[in-house]
N, C-alpha and C. Protein backbone atom coordinates (compact mmCIF):
# COMPACT_ATOMS: atom_id res chain seq x y z
N MET A 1 19.14 -0.92 -0.76
CA MET A 1 18.59 0.29 -0.47
C MET A 1 19.22 0.81 -0.36
N ARG A 2 19.09 2.35 -1.21
CA ARG A 2 20.27 3.09 -1.11
C ARG A 2 20.96 4.12 0.06
N VAL A 3 19.97 3.77 0.94
CA VAL A 3 20.50 4.12 2.67
C VAL A 3 21.07 2.98 3.61
N THR A 4 21.50 3.18 4.25
CA THR A 4 21.92 2.83 5.71
C THR A 4 21.17 2.82 6.49
N VAL A 5 20.71 1.91 7.07
CA VAL A 5 19.80 2.16 8.91
C VAL A 5 20.45 0.88 9.57
N THR A 6 21.18 0.87 10.44
CA THR A 6 21.23 0.20 11.35
C THR A 6 19.95 -0.61 12.22
N ALA A 7 20.80 -2.15 12.70
CA ALA A 7 19.19 -2.64 13.98
C ALA A 7 18.98 -2.05 14.63
N ALA A 8 19.37 -1.18 15.38
CA ALA A 8 19.40 -0.46 16.63
C ALA A 8 18.24 0.43 16.56
N GLN A 9 18.74 1.01 15.13
CA GLN A 9 18.03 2.67 14.28
C GLN A 9 16.64 1.83 14.12
N VAL A 10 16.44 0.66 14.23
CA VAL A 10 14.99 0.59 13.55
C VAL A 10 14.23 -0.07 14.47
N GLU A 11 14.81 -1.11 15.28
CA GLU A 11 14.69 -1.37 16.83
C GLU A 11 14.04 0.11 17.18
N ALA A 12 14.69 1.35 17.76
CA ALA A 12 13.90 2.23 18.48
C ALA A 12 12.92 3.21 17.57
N ALA A 13 12.96 3.17 16.47
CA ALA A 13 12.00 4.25 15.92
C ALA A 13 10.61 2.43 15.47
N PHE A 14 10.74 1.48 15.13
CA PHE A 14 9.70 0.52 14.92
C PHE A 14 9.14 0.14 16.36
N GLU A 15 9.89 0.56 17.26
CA GLU A 15 9.14 -0.33 18.33
C GLU A 15 8.03 1.03 19.48
N ALA A 16 8.36 2.22 18.70
CA ALA A 16 7.52 3.35 19.16
C ALA A 16 5.93 3.02 18.19
N VAL A 17 6.33 3.05 17.64
CA VAL A 17 5.15 3.07 16.47
C VAL A 17 4.46 1.73 16.31
N LYS A 18 4.98 1.02 16.22
CA LYS A 18 4.84 -0.83 16.23
C LYS A 18 3.54 -1.73 16.36
N ASP A 19 2.44 -1.20 17.48
CA ASP A 19 1.23 -1.17 17.77
C ASP A 19 0.05 -0.47 16.81
N ASP A 20 0.47 0.44 16.20
CA ASP A 20 -0.43 0.81 15.28
C ASP A 20 -0.64 0.40 14.33
N PRO A 21 -2.51 0.67 14.02
CA PRO A 21 -2.37 -0.75 12.54
C PRO A 21 -1.83 -0.45 11.16
N SER A 22 -1.04 0.79 11.03
CA SER A 22 -1.00 0.91 9.87
C SER A 22 0.50 0.12 9.25
N PHE A 23 1.22 -0.65 10.92
CA PHE A 23 1.71 -0.79 10.76
C PHE A 23 1.98 -2.86 10.75
N ASP A 24 0.39 -3.03 10.42
CA ASP A 24 0.05 -5.13 10.98
C ASP A 24 1.00 -5.78 10.90
N GLU A 25 1.44 -5.43 9.10
CA GLU A 25 1.92 -6.43 8.10
C GLU A 25 3.70 -6.33 8.59
N SER A 26 4.26 -5.21 8.81
CA SER A 26 5.26 -5.19 9.26
C SER A 26 5.70 -5.83 11.24
N ARG A 27 4.63 -5.57 11.84
CA ARG A 27 4.25 -6.43 13.30
C ARG A 27 4.47 -7.61 12.88
N GLY A 28 3.77 -8.15 12.26
CA GLY A 28 4.00 -9.63 12.33
C GLY A 28 5.30 -10.36 11.87
N LEU A 29 6.23 -9.51 10.55
CA LEU A 29 7.63 -9.81 10.38
C LEU A 29 7.90 -9.70 12.01
N TRP A 30 8.10 -8.46 12.63
CA TRP A 30 8.44 -8.32 13.68
C TRP A 30 8.42 -9.38 15.18
N GLU A 31 7.21 -9.75 14.69
CA GLU A 31 7.18 -10.72 15.82
C GLU A 31 7.79 -12.05 15.84
N ARG A 32 7.70 -12.40 14.37
CA ARG A 32 9.04 -13.76 14.24
C ARG A 32 9.92 -13.07 13.95
N GLY A 33 10.79 -12.16 14.28
CA GLY A 33 12.08 -12.24 14.51
C GLY A 33 12.85 -11.32 13.30
N GLN A 34 11.89 -11.23 12.71
CA GLN A 34 12.41 -10.44 11.41
C GLN A 34 12.55 -8.49 11.48
N PRO A 35 12.87 -8.11 10.63
CA PRO A 35 12.72 -5.97 10.45
C PRO A 35 11.87 -6.44 9.74
N PRO A 36 11.38 -4.98 10.18
CA PRO A 36 10.75 -4.70 8.92
C PRO A 36 10.51 -4.63 7.37
N VAL A 37 9.83 -4.24 6.29
CA VAL A 37 9.87 -4.59 5.13
C VAL A 37 11.29 -2.89 4.58
N GLU A 38 11.50 -3.03 3.81
CA GLU A 38 12.66 -2.12 3.61
C GLU A 38 12.33 -1.00 3.56
N MET A 39 10.71 -0.33 2.89
CA MET A 39 10.40 0.65 2.33
C MET A 39 10.09 1.29 4.30
N ILE A 40 9.88 0.81 5.44
CA ILE A 40 9.36 1.06 6.67
C ILE A 40 10.79 1.52 7.16
N GLN A 41 11.91 0.40 7.28
CA GLN A 41 13.29 0.41 7.25
C GLN A 41 13.59 1.92 7.02
N ALA A 42 13.63 2.08 5.97
CA ALA A 42 14.34 3.71 5.30
C ALA A 42 13.62 4.88 6.70
N MET A 43 12.13 4.00 6.34
CA MET A 43 11.50 5.47 7.08
C MET A 43 11.73 5.11 8.88
N CYS A 44 12.52 4.49 8.96
CA CYS A 44 13.28 4.38 10.36
C CYS A 44 13.97 5.74 10.95
N LEU A 45 15.10 6.04 9.71
CA LEU A 45 15.92 6.84 10.27
C LEU A 45 15.33 7.70 9.96
N ARG A 46 14.16 8.50 9.90
CA ARG A 46 13.53 9.96 10.47
C ARG A 46 12.38 9.46 10.77
N PRO A 47 12.44 9.05 12.10
CA PRO A 47 10.78 8.58 13.34
C PRO A 47 9.74 9.67 13.11
N GLU A 48 10.52 11.10 12.17
CA GLU A 48 9.06 11.47 12.56
C GLU A 48 8.13 10.96 11.19
N ILE A 49 8.52 11.03 9.78
CA ILE A 49 8.17 10.25 9.13
C ILE A 49 7.11 9.20 9.06
N LEU A 50 8.16 8.06 9.61
CA LEU A 50 7.76 6.97 9.89
C LEU A 50 6.20 7.39 11.27
N ARG A 51 6.46 8.31 11.89
CA ARG A 51 4.63 9.02 12.55
C ARG A 51 3.85 8.88 11.78
N ALA A 52 4.36 10.08 11.00
CA ALA A 52 2.97 11.09 9.66
C ALA A 52 2.70 9.83 9.01
N PHE A 53 3.22 8.62 8.82
CA PHE A 53 2.78 7.07 7.98
C PHE A 53 1.53 6.77 8.40
N ALA A 54 2.02 6.28 9.84
CA ALA A 54 1.11 5.94 10.49
C ALA A 54 -0.41 6.25 10.38
N GLY A 55 0.10 7.75 11.17
CA GLY A 55 -0.84 8.80 10.97
C GLY A 55 -1.97 9.04 9.26
N PHE A 56 -1.31 8.34 8.49
CA PHE A 56 -2.33 8.75 7.06
C PHE A 56 -2.58 7.28 6.87
N GLY A 57 -2.01 5.81 7.54
CA GLY A 57 -2.43 5.43 7.62
C GLY A 57 -3.63 5.17 8.51
N GLY A 58 -4.00 6.08 9.17
CA GLY A 58 -5.20 5.69 10.03
C GLY A 58 -6.40 6.27 9.12
N ALA A 59 -6.51 7.32 8.52
CA ALA A 59 -7.07 7.92 7.89
C ALA A 59 -7.57 7.32 6.16
N VAL A 60 -6.06 6.63 5.82
CA VAL A 60 -6.55 6.51 4.40
C VAL A 60 -6.59 4.94 4.51
N TYR A 61 -5.28 4.52 4.59
CA TYR A 61 -4.89 3.12 4.20
C TYR A 61 -3.89 2.75 5.44
N PRO A 62 -4.34 1.59 6.45
CA PRO A 62 -5.66 0.60 6.19
C PRO A 62 -6.81 1.30 6.39
N GLY A 63 -6.89 1.74 7.12
CA GLY A 63 -7.99 2.98 7.44
C GLY A 63 -8.77 3.43 6.48
N GLY A 64 -10.16 4.78 6.74
CA GLY A 64 -10.42 5.13 5.81
C GLY A 64 -11.89 4.12 5.72
N ILE A 65 -12.72 5.14 4.79
CA ILE A 65 -13.98 4.95 4.16
C ILE A 65 -14.44 3.51 3.45
N LEU A 66 -12.86 4.19 2.51
CA LEU A 66 -13.40 2.67 1.26
C LEU A 66 -12.48 1.61 1.48
N GLU A 67 -13.91 0.41 0.63
CA GLU A 67 -13.52 -0.63 1.17
C GLU A 67 -11.84 -1.02 0.71
N ARG A 68 -11.34 -2.10 1.25
CA ARG A 68 -10.17 -2.35 1.23
C ARG A 68 -9.22 -2.93 -0.06
N ARG A 69 -10.49 -3.64 -0.71
CA ARG A 69 -10.20 -3.99 -1.96
C ARG A 69 -10.46 -3.38 -2.54
N VAL A 70 -10.78 -1.82 -2.99
CA VAL A 70 -11.09 -1.03 -3.83
C VAL A 70 -9.69 -0.36 -3.51
N LYS A 71 -9.05 -0.52 -2.61
CA LYS A 71 -8.11 0.86 -2.37
C LYS A 71 -6.53 0.20 -2.72
N GLU A 72 -6.54 -1.70 -2.77
CA GLU A 72 -5.52 -2.50 -2.82
C GLU A 72 -5.61 -2.91 -4.52
N LEU A 73 -6.53 -2.36 -5.49
CA LEU A 73 -6.61 -2.24 -6.72
C LEU A 73 -6.18 -0.71 -7.45
N VAL A 74 -6.72 -0.17 -6.74
CA VAL A 74 -5.74 1.65 -6.78
C VAL A 74 -4.32 1.60 -6.80
N ILE A 75 -3.94 0.50 -5.53
CA ILE A 75 -2.46 1.30 -4.97
C ILE A 75 -1.90 0.09 -5.87
N ILE A 76 -2.02 -1.01 -6.26
CA ILE A 76 -1.45 -2.57 -7.59
C ILE A 76 -1.52 -1.09 -8.94
N THR A 77 -3.16 -0.52 -9.52
CA THR A 77 -2.53 0.27 -10.48
C THR A 77 -1.11 1.49 -10.82
N ALA A 78 -1.17 1.99 -9.30
CA ALA A 78 -0.53 3.13 -9.80
C ALA A 78 1.07 2.84 -9.72
N SER A 79 1.53 2.16 -8.67
CA SER A 79 2.46 1.13 -8.42
C SER A 79 2.99 0.41 -9.52
N GLN A 80 2.08 -0.22 -10.68
CA GLN A 80 2.56 -0.94 -11.37
C GLN A 80 3.17 0.20 -12.35
N ARG A 81 2.18 1.11 -12.68
CA ARG A 81 2.50 2.13 -13.79
C ARG A 81 3.74 2.68 -13.17
N ASN A 82 3.76 3.26 -11.90
CA ASN A 82 5.41 3.99 -11.72
C ASN A 82 6.48 3.02 -11.64
N ASP A 83 5.89 1.57 -12.16
CA ASP A 83 7.25 0.71 -11.75
C ASP A 83 7.73 0.75 -10.75
N CYS A 84 6.85 0.34 -9.61
CA CYS A 84 7.78 0.86 -8.23
C CYS A 84 7.54 -0.88 -7.59
N GLN A 85 8.61 -1.90 -7.90
CA GLN A 85 8.55 -3.08 -7.77
C GLN A 85 8.11 -2.94 -6.26
N PHE A 86 8.61 -2.41 -5.25
CA PHE A 86 8.27 -2.62 -3.44
C PHE A 86 7.24 -2.74 -3.12
N CYS A 87 5.99 -1.91 -3.99
CA CYS A 87 4.48 -1.41 -3.92
C CYS A 87 3.65 -2.71 -4.56
N THR A 88 4.12 -2.43 -5.55
CA THR A 88 3.33 -3.69 -6.60
C THR A 88 3.33 -5.06 -6.37
N ASN A 89 5.00 -5.75 -6.00
CA ASN A 89 4.91 -6.87 -5.32
C ASN A 89 4.49 -7.32 -4.11
N SER A 90 4.39 -6.39 -3.07
CA SER A 90 4.37 -6.61 -1.68
C SER A 90 2.51 -6.34 -1.37
N HIS A 91 2.17 -5.38 -1.97
CA HIS A 91 0.63 -5.71 -1.92
C HIS A 91 -0.29 -6.83 -2.70
N CYS A 92 0.52 -6.99 -4.42
CA CYS A 92 0.27 -8.78 -4.61
C CYS A 92 -0.30 -9.56 -3.50
N ASP A 93 0.96 -9.72 -2.81
CA ASP A 93 0.98 -11.01 -1.80
C ASP A 93 0.23 -10.17 -1.35
N LEU A 94 0.02 -8.93 -0.30
CA LEU A 94 -1.17 -9.22 0.73
C LEU A 94 -2.44 -9.15 0.44
N VAL A 95 -2.89 -9.02 -1.19
CA VAL A 95 -4.32 -9.29 -1.24
C VAL A 95 -4.36 -10.59 -2.15
N ASP A 96 -3.52 -11.43 -2.02
CA ASP A 96 -3.38 -13.18 -1.88
C ASP A 96 -3.20 -14.02 -1.15
N ILE A 97 -2.65 -13.27 0.43
CA ILE A 97 -2.50 -13.69 1.49
C ILE A 97 -4.05 -13.57 2.50
N GLY A 98 -4.12 -12.16 1.96
CA GLY A 98 -5.82 -11.90 2.87
C GLY A 98 -6.57 -12.21 1.88
N ASP A 99 -6.76 -12.88 0.97
CA ASP A 99 -7.51 -13.62 -0.33
C ASP A 99 -8.71 -11.87 -0.20
N ILE A 100 -8.09 -11.53 -1.14
CA ILE A 100 -9.10 -10.38 -1.00
C ILE A 100 -9.01 -9.88 -2.91
N VAL A 101 -7.73 -9.79 -3.41
CA VAL A 101 -8.21 -9.98 -4.76
C VAL A 101 -7.14 -11.29 -6.04
N ALA A 102 -7.71 -11.77 -6.55
CA ALA A 102 -6.99 -13.19 -7.21
C ALA A 102 -6.40 -12.64 -8.47
N GLU A 103 -5.17 -12.63 -8.53
CA GLU A 103 -4.58 -12.54 -9.95
C GLU A 103 -4.73 -11.01 -10.37
N PRO A 104 -4.46 -9.83 -9.10
CA PRO A 104 -4.25 -8.52 -9.15
C PRO A 104 -4.06 -7.78 -10.16
N LEU A 105 -2.57 -8.63 -10.87
CA LEU A 105 -2.54 -7.69 -12.16
C LEU A 105 -2.97 -8.26 -13.20
N ALA A 106 -3.87 -8.82 -13.78
CA ALA A 106 -4.38 -9.44 -14.54
C ALA A 106 -5.76 -8.78 -14.25
N VAL A 107 -6.84 -8.34 -13.52
CA VAL A 107 -7.82 -8.03 -13.27
C VAL A 107 -7.23 -6.31 -13.13
N ILE A 108 -6.63 -5.83 -12.75
CA ILE A 108 -6.17 -4.22 -13.63
C ILE A 108 -5.65 -4.03 -15.17
N ALA A 109 -5.07 -5.02 -15.72
CA ALA A 109 -5.18 -5.10 -16.66
C ALA A 109 -6.44 -5.16 -17.89
N GLN A 110 -7.49 -6.00 -17.07
CA GLN A 110 -8.57 -6.61 -17.99
C GLN A 110 -9.60 -5.82 -16.59
N PRO A 111 -10.07 -4.63 -16.68
CA PRO A 111 -10.94 -4.37 -15.25
C PRO A 111 -12.58 -4.47 -15.74
N GLY A 112 -13.24 -4.23 -17.09
CA GLY A 112 -14.37 -4.38 -17.06
C GLY A 112 -15.24 -5.11 -16.70
N ALA A 113 -14.29 -6.59 -16.41
CA ALA A 113 -15.77 -7.26 -15.86
C ALA A 113 -15.88 -7.05 -13.88
N LEU A 114 -14.89 -6.17 -13.59
CA LEU A 114 -15.05 -5.57 -12.15
C LEU A 114 -16.22 -4.67 -11.28
N ARG A 115 -16.53 -5.29 -10.74
CA ARG A 115 -17.92 -4.26 -10.12
C ARG A 115 -17.38 -3.05 -10.91
N PRO A 116 -18.65 -1.41 -10.42
CA PRO A 116 -18.64 -0.63 -10.56
C PRO A 116 -17.74 0.27 -9.88
N ARG A 117 -17.66 -0.18 -8.90
CA ARG A 117 -16.62 1.19 -7.91
C ARG A 117 -15.51 1.03 -8.41
N GLU A 118 -15.00 -0.53 -8.11
CA GLU A 118 -13.54 -1.13 -8.64
C GLU A 118 -12.95 -0.33 -10.02
N ARG A 119 -13.66 -0.60 -11.18
CA ARG A 119 -13.57 -0.58 -12.15
C ARG A 119 -13.28 1.11 -12.72
N LEU A 120 -14.08 1.86 -11.67
CA LEU A 120 -13.66 3.22 -11.70
C LEU A 120 -12.52 3.91 -10.77
N ALA A 121 -12.64 3.05 -10.52
CA ALA A 121 -11.08 3.67 -9.34
C ALA A 121 -10.37 3.36 -10.40
N ILE A 122 -10.18 2.11 -10.88
CA ILE A 122 -9.22 2.40 -11.74
C ILE A 122 -8.80 2.90 -12.58
N GLU A 123 -9.73 3.14 -13.34
CA GLU A 123 -9.66 4.26 -14.43
C GLU A 123 -9.69 6.08 -14.09
N TYR A 124 -10.00 6.25 -12.91
CA TYR A 124 -9.52 7.32 -12.45
C TYR A 124 -8.75 7.54 -11.77
N THR A 125 -7.64 6.44 -10.95
CA THR A 125 -6.39 6.55 -11.16
C THR A 125 -5.40 6.65 -12.07
N ARG A 126 -6.01 5.51 -13.22
CA ARG A 126 -4.90 5.95 -14.46
C ARG A 126 -5.71 7.44 -15.02
N ALA A 127 -5.78 7.90 -15.33
CA ALA A 127 -6.65 9.64 -15.19
C ALA A 127 -5.76 10.50 -15.03
N ALA A 128 -5.98 10.48 -13.26
CA ALA A 128 -5.40 11.22 -12.36
C ALA A 128 -3.87 11.04 -12.77
N MET A 129 -3.49 9.74 -13.02
CA MET A 129 -1.45 9.39 -13.47
C MET A 129 -1.45 10.66 -14.63
N THR A 130 -2.15 10.52 -15.73
CA THR A 130 -2.63 11.09 -17.14
C THR A 130 -2.03 12.36 -16.93
N ASP A 131 -3.49 12.85 -16.65
CA ASP A 131 -2.91 13.93 -16.34
C ASP A 131 -4.02 14.80 -15.34
N SER A 132 -3.87 15.03 -13.90
CA SER A 132 -4.97 15.40 -12.92
C SER A 132 -5.68 16.34 -13.40
N ASN A 133 -5.26 17.55 -14.22
CA ASN A 133 -5.60 18.27 -14.38
C ASN A 133 -6.98 18.25 -15.59
N ALA A 134 -6.87 17.37 -16.24
CA ALA A 134 -7.93 17.27 -17.41
C ALA A 134 -8.41 15.42 -17.58
N VAL A 135 -9.06 15.07 -16.07
CA VAL A 135 -9.64 13.70 -15.88
C VAL A 135 -11.07 14.03 -16.99
N PRO A 136 -11.72 13.32 -17.78
CA PRO A 136 -12.40 13.69 -18.16
C PRO A 136 -13.79 14.08 -17.68
N ASP A 137 -14.60 14.52 -17.91
CA ASP A 137 -16.09 15.15 -17.13
C ASP A 137 -16.72 14.03 -16.82
N ALA A 138 -17.10 12.82 -18.08
CA ALA A 138 -17.64 11.46 -18.37
C ALA A 138 -17.63 11.20 -17.26
N LEU A 139 -15.97 10.50 -16.99
CA LEU A 139 -15.72 10.20 -16.08
C LEU A 139 -15.87 10.70 -14.07
N MET A 140 -15.76 12.04 -14.75
CA MET A 140 -16.15 12.40 -13.02
C MET A 140 -17.88 12.18 -12.89
N VAL A 141 -18.12 12.73 -13.60
CA VAL A 141 -19.92 12.33 -13.56
C VAL A 141 -20.77 10.74 -13.38
N GLU A 142 -19.87 9.75 -13.84
CA GLU A 142 -19.54 8.25 -13.35
C GLU A 142 -18.91 8.25 -12.35
N MET A 143 -18.20 9.00 -11.73
CA MET A 143 -17.63 8.41 -10.26
C MET A 143 -18.62 9.00 -9.04
N ALA A 144 -19.19 10.18 -9.12
CA ALA A 144 -20.30 10.66 -8.43
C ALA A 144 -21.42 9.64 -8.57
N ASP A 145 -21.75 9.17 -9.22
CA ASP A 145 -22.56 8.21 -9.48
C ASP A 145 -22.79 7.21 -8.15
N HIS A 146 -21.26 6.98 -8.04
CA HIS A 146 -21.14 5.75 -7.18
C HIS A 146 -19.74 5.94 -6.42
N PHE A 147 -19.37 7.22 -5.90
CA PHE A 147 -18.96 7.45 -4.51
C PHE A 147 -19.63 8.39 -4.25
N SER A 148 -19.17 8.74 -2.73
CA SER A 148 -19.58 10.13 -2.18
C SER A 148 -18.63 10.60 -2.81
N ASP A 149 -18.86 12.40 -1.59
CA ASP A 149 -18.08 13.22 -1.76
C ASP A 149 -17.07 13.30 -1.20
N PRO A 150 -17.06 12.50 0.71
CA PRO A 150 -16.14 12.08 1.21
C PRO A 150 -14.77 11.22 1.04
N GLU A 151 -16.09 9.39 0.45
CA GLU A 151 -14.86 8.80 -0.85
C GLU A 151 -14.28 8.92 -2.11
N LEU A 152 -14.53 10.11 -2.48
CA LEU A 152 -13.85 10.69 -3.47
C LEU A 152 -12.77 11.58 -3.30
N VAL A 153 -12.74 12.43 -2.26
CA VAL A 153 -11.30 12.80 -1.50
C VAL A 153 -11.08 11.88 -1.21
N GLU A 154 -11.21 10.75 -0.85
CA GLU A 154 -10.18 9.75 0.23
C GLU A 154 -9.57 9.18 -0.98
N LEU A 155 -10.23 8.60 -2.29
CA LEU A 155 -9.65 8.12 -3.27
C LEU A 155 -8.76 9.17 -4.32
N SER A 156 -8.78 10.29 -4.08
CA SER A 156 -7.90 11.18 -4.90
C SER A 156 -6.59 11.84 -4.01
N PHE A 157 -6.82 11.50 -2.18
CA PHE A 157 -5.72 11.12 -1.58
C PHE A 157 -4.90 10.21 -1.97
N LEU A 158 -5.13 8.69 -1.96
CA LEU A 158 -4.58 8.11 -2.26
C LEU A 158 -4.26 7.97 -2.85
N ILE A 159 -4.90 8.52 -3.70
CA ILE A 159 -4.12 7.84 -5.46
C ILE A 159 -1.97 8.79 -5.29
N GLY A 160 -2.90 9.91 -4.74
CA GLY A 160 -1.58 11.20 -4.45
C GLY A 160 -0.69 10.25 -3.40
N TYR A 161 -0.76 9.84 -2.51
CA TYR A 161 -0.64 9.15 -1.49
C TYR A 161 0.46 7.96 -2.33
N ILE A 162 -0.40 7.00 -2.86
CA ILE A 162 0.57 5.68 -3.35
C ILE A 162 1.71 6.38 -4.06
N ASN A 163 1.34 7.38 -5.10
CA ASN A 163 2.31 8.42 -5.87
C ASN A 163 4.08 8.42 -5.21
N MET A 164 3.39 9.01 -4.56
CA MET A 164 4.72 9.73 -3.07
C MET A 164 5.46 8.17 -2.62
N LEU A 165 5.12 7.64 -1.97
CA LEU A 165 5.42 6.15 -1.65
C LEU A 165 5.90 5.79 -2.91
N ASN A 166 5.39 5.66 -4.23
CA ASN A 166 5.83 5.14 -5.16
C ASN A 166 7.33 5.59 -5.29
N LEU A 167 7.10 6.70 -5.65
CA LEU A 167 8.57 7.64 -6.03
C LEU A 167 9.47 7.61 -4.21
N PHE A 168 9.14 7.74 -3.58
CA PHE A 168 10.33 7.06 -2.20
C PHE A 168 11.31 5.82 -2.31
N ASN A 169 10.19 4.95 -3.04
CA ASN A 169 10.80 3.83 -2.93
C ASN A 169 11.60 3.40 -4.57
N ASN A 170 11.02 4.29 -5.23
CA ASN A 170 12.03 4.34 -6.26
C ASN A 170 13.20 4.69 -6.04
N LEU A 171 13.94 6.02 -6.08
CA LEU A 171 13.96 6.68 -5.02
C LEU A 171 15.47 6.45 -4.66
N LEU A 172 15.04 5.78 -3.82
CA LEU A 172 15.92 4.68 -2.49
C LEU A 172 16.44 3.47 -3.24
N HIS A 173 15.99 3.31 -4.27
CA HIS A 173 15.80 1.66 -4.49
C HIS A 173 15.18 0.25 -3.41
N VAL A 174 14.10 1.01 -2.57
CA VAL A 174 13.73 0.06 -1.74
C VAL A 174 13.39 -1.06 -2.45
N ARG A 175 13.58 -2.24 -1.62
CA ARG A 175 12.89 -3.82 -2.57
C ARG A 175 12.17 -4.52 -1.86
N TYR A 176 10.88 -5.07 -2.15
CA TYR A 176 10.43 -6.21 -1.95
C TYR A 176 10.86 -7.97 -2.22
N HIS A 177 11.59 -7.93 -1.11
CA HIS A 177 11.88 -9.60 -0.93
C HIS A 177 11.42 -11.00 -0.76
N GLY A 178 10.11 -10.80 -0.56
CA GLY A 178 8.82 -11.62 -0.66
C GLY A 178 8.87 -12.03 1.25
N GLU A 179 9.20 -10.49 1.59
CA GLU A 179 8.73 -11.19 3.50
C GLU A 179 7.36 -11.28 3.98
N TYR A 180 6.50 -10.97 3.56
CA TYR A 180 5.16 -10.97 3.56
C TYR A 180 4.73 -12.37 3.56
N SER A 181 5.51 -13.15 2.58
CA SER A 181 5.23 -14.78 2.80
C SER A 181 5.21 -15.07 4.16
N LEU A 182 5.74 -14.34 5.36
CA LEU A 182 6.30 -15.41 6.71
C LEU A 182 5.06 -15.38 6.83
N LEU A 183 4.08 -14.61 6.26
CA LEU A 183 2.72 -14.27 7.15
C LEU A 183 1.62 -15.21 7.23
N ARG A 184 1.75 -16.27 6.15
CA ARG A 184 0.81 -17.25 5.71
C ARG A 184 1.26 -18.24 7.01
N THR A 185 2.14 -18.21 7.67
CA THR A 185 2.37 -19.19 8.84
C THR A 185 2.05 -18.53 10.16
N PRO A 186 1.46 -18.88 11.38
CA PRO A 186 0.63 -18.50 12.77
C PRO A 186 2.29 -18.39 13.28
N VAL A 187 2.88 -17.00 14.36
CA VAL A 187 3.52 -16.94 15.01
C VAL A 187 3.90 -17.83 15.98
N ALA A 188 3.15 -18.52 16.08
CA ALA A 188 3.49 -20.19 17.00
C ALA A 188 3.84 -20.91 16.47
N ALA A 189 3.62 -21.23 15.24
CA ALA A 189 4.12 -22.48 14.31
C ALA A 189 5.48 -22.21 13.74
N SER A 190 5.91 -20.66 13.29
CA SER A 190 6.85 -20.04 12.74
C SER A 190 8.02 -20.00 13.84
N SER A 191 7.79 -19.56 15.34
CA SER A 191 8.66 -19.48 16.05
C SER A 191 9.45 -20.91 16.36
N GLU A 192 7.69 -21.71 16.48
CA GLU A 192 8.55 -23.87 16.90
C GLU A 192 9.62 -24.03 16.01
N ALA A 193 9.22 -24.07 14.86
CA ALA A 193 10.61 -24.36 13.97
C ALA A 193 11.66 -23.39 14.07
N GLY A 194 11.74 -22.17 14.24
CA GLY A 194 12.79 -21.47 14.11
C GLY A 194 14.22 -22.11 15.36
């Protein structure tokens, strides 16, 4: 990571927000005696940003009105296209741990067999990232058939939000090191082993 954050900075900032649902996974690491993932650590240098991240989380991810599977497919689609190692790999682990999507990279590479909402969310993400001013009208007609206006607003925000986080992580060389694999073991079992 291109920035340096001390354990004391992480503790002070993360303790203040750790109970927010946006931090469920990093809280799981914290409860196992591990620091949160690097993206959260970097945000600890600016606690205001960490708190804002939680606010968006409540509105869009993990909160919001779209189903989690659609959100994860959008996040992984955008993150892979942006070559964001952190978001691609961490969300692939999260969907595996949560049994949300099997083989997500293969699924987004060949989305034709997906349910219409999932396929369309991937297509919309790709179209927005190609040229957000020129999303094909035919796609927007299909989107209107499968997504309500509030859902379309949330989906559009999610696409912009994940792109911003991808850039943040790429600029700071934030990396994912498989930390979420620790979440496969219940806290009691992991603390007994330690």
